Protein backbone atom coordinates (compact mmCIF):
# COMPACT_ATOMS: atom_id res chain seq x y z
CA MET A 1 0.00 0.00 0.00
CA ILE A 2 1.05 3.55 -0.57
CA ASN A 3 1.58 5.65 2.53
CA SER A 4 0.83 9.32 2.30
CA VAL A 5 3.61 11.76 3.00
CA SER A 6 1.48 14.56 4.32
CA ASN A 7 -2.09 15.29 5.25
CA LEU A 8 -2.40 17.87 2.48
CA SER A 9 -5.70 17.63 0.64
CA PHE A 10 -6.94 19.64 -2.34
CA ARG A 11 -10.59 18.79 -1.76
CA GLY A 12 -11.21 21.54 0.73
CA GLU A 13 -11.91 19.40 3.75
CA ALA A 14 -9.54 17.51 5.94
CA VAL A 15 -9.95 13.86 4.96
CA ASN A 16 -8.04 10.76 5.88
CA SER A 17 -5.35 10.51 3.20
CA GLN A 18 -5.36 6.72 3.22
CA ASP A 19 -9.04 6.70 2.27
CA LEU A 20 -8.25 9.05 -0.63
CA ILE A 21 -5.55 6.75 -1.91
CA ASN A 22 -7.73 3.64 -1.66
CA SER A 23 -10.83 5.28 -3.14
CA PRO A 24 -11.63 4.56 -6.79
CA GLY A 25 -10.89 7.33 -9.24
CA GLN A 26 -13.20 8.99 -11.74
CA PHE A 27 -12.32 6.60 -14.57
CA ALA A 28 -11.87 3.45 -12.50
CA SER A 29 -13.86 0.40 -13.44
CA PRO A 30 -15.74 -1.42 -10.72
CA VAL A 31 -13.83 -4.19 -8.98
CA GLN A 32 -14.66 -7.60 -10.42
CA THR A 33 -14.28 -10.77 -8.49
CA ALA A 34 -12.49 -13.56 -10.30
CA GLU A 35 -14.46 -16.77 -10.62
CA LEU A 36 -12.64 -19.95 -9.87
CA PRO A 37 -12.53 -22.38 -12.78
CA SER A 38 -14.59 -25.50 -12.38
CA ASP A 39 -13.11 -28.98 -12.34
CA SER A 40 -14.26 -29.76 -15.87
CA PHE A 41 -12.77 -28.37 -19.04
CA GLU A 42 -16.08 -27.43 -20.61
CA PHE A 43 -16.64 -23.83 -21.60
CA GLU A 44 -19.90 -21.99 -22.00
CA GLY A 45 -21.56 -22.57 -25.35
CA GLN A 46 -19.51 -25.65 -26.04
CA GLU A 47 -21.31 -28.96 -26.25
CA LYS A 48 -19.89 -32.20 -24.99
CA LYS A 49 -18.09 -34.14 -27.65
CA LYS A 50 -20.14 -37.17 -28.54
CA SER A 51 -18.71 -40.61 -28.99
CA GLY A 52 -17.83 -41.66 -32.52
CA ALA A 53 -19.09 -45.21 -31.98
CA LYS A 54 -22.49 -44.50 -33.54
CA GLY A 55 -20.86 -43.00 -36.63
CA LEU A 56 -18.46 -45.91 -36.94
CA VAL A 57 -21.25 -48.48 -36.67
CA GLY A 58 -23.31 -46.53 -39.20
CA ALA A 59 -20.43 -46.36 -41.65
CA LEU A 60 -19.82 -50.10 -41.30
CA LEU A 61 -23.49 -50.84 -41.95
CA VAL A 62 -23.54 -48.63 -45.04
CA GLY A 63 -20.37 -50.28 -46.35
CA LEU A 64 -21.79 -53.73 -45.72
CA ALA A 65 -25.03 -52.79 -47.50
CA ALA A 66 -23.05 -51.48 -50.51
CA PHE A 67 -20.95 -54.67 -50.57
CA ALA A 68 -24.08 -56.82 -50.49
CA GLY A 69 -25.77 -54.65 -53.13
CA LEU A 70 -22.88 -55.00 -55.55
CA GLY A 71 -22.86 -58.75 -54.96
CA TYR A 72 -26.59 -58.92 -55.71
CA ALA A 73 -26.11 -56.87 -58.90
CA VAL A 74 -23.31 -59.12 -60.14
CA LYS A 75 -25.16 -62.34 -59.29
CA GLY A 76 -28.33 -61.10 -61.00
CA LYS A 77 -26.34 -60.10 -64.14
CA HIS A 78 -27.27 -56.42 -63.68
CA LEU A 79 -23.63 -55.34 -63.51
CA GLU A 80 -21.20 -56.71 -66.08
CA LYS A 81 -17.62 -55.96 -67.07
CA VAL A 82 -17.08 -53.38 -69.81
CA ASP A 83 -14.32 -53.17 -72.43
CA ILE A 84 -12.26 -50.06 -71.70
CA LYS A 85 -10.33 -49.99 -74.99
CA GLU A 86 -13.29 -48.44 -76.85
CA ALA A 87 -12.93 -45.02 -75.13
CA ASP A 88 -10.39 -42.50 -76.44
CA ASN A 89 -9.78 -40.13 -73.49
CA PHE A 90 -9.50 -40.42 -69.70
CA PHE A 91 -12.98 -39.15 -68.83
CA LYS A 92 -14.65 -41.57 -71.21
CA LYS A 93 -12.61 -44.37 -69.62
CA LEU A 94 -13.48 -43.29 -66.07
CA TRP A 95 -17.07 -44.60 -66.00
CA PRO A 96 -16.21 -48.03 -67.47
CA ARG A 97 -13.35 -48.36 -64.98
CA THR A 98 -15.74 -47.51 -62.16
CA LYS A 99 -18.21 -50.13 -63.40
CA ASN A 100 -15.41 -52.69 -63.60
CA LEU A 101 -14.32 -51.85 -60.05
CA GLY A 102 -17.91 -52.33 -58.85
CA HIS A 103 -18.08 -55.63 -60.74
CA THR A 104 -14.86 -56.85 -59.12
CA ILE A 105 -16.11 -55.91 -55.64
CA GLY A 106 -19.40 -57.63 -56.45
CA GLU A 107 -17.56 -60.79 -57.46
CA TYR A 108 -15.81 -60.80 -54.07
CA ALA A 109 -19.18 -60.37 -52.37
CA VAL A 110 -20.65 -63.31 -54.27
CA LYS A 111 -17.64 -65.48 -53.36
CA ALA A 112 -17.90 -64.42 -49.70
CA TRP A 113 -21.62 -65.25 -49.68
CA ASP A 114 -21.10 -68.63 -51.32
CA ASN A 115 -18.25 -69.57 -48.97
CA THR A 116 -19.94 -68.55 -45.71
CA LEU A 117 -23.65 -67.83 -45.44
CA GLY A 118 -24.62 -69.29 -48.79
CA LYS A 119 -23.93 -72.78 -47.44
CA LEU A 120 -26.46 -72.24 -44.68
CA PHE A 121 -29.28 -70.71 -46.72
CA THR A 122 -29.12 -72.58 -50.04
CA LYS A 123 -30.93 -75.82 -50.72
CA LYS A 124 -28.73 -78.75 -51.56
CA SER A 125 -29.98 -80.95 -54.38
């Protein structure tokens, strides 16, 4: 704390100098009390981060459905291989290559079905 040197006051009245020193000035902002941080690291307006397990399970189900769909399309002869040599530039070759990739994945799905679950659900003659 600052100690006053003399009791001289320019306010006209004799006032305790220590009170003058400790009093807020004309442009002083009000004293704010600091809040102690809570134990958690959450801030206002910020939501809790949700677990990614639901998204992961959803992505796996969508991938499995696409795999099964391509297998069904190949087995039903709805998706067949295409000759790529007919196209003359890259963009005309892109769609046939995509179809061939889907056909290859579908073939793997048909093989996986026949080797595992197909044995359980197909009738043996």
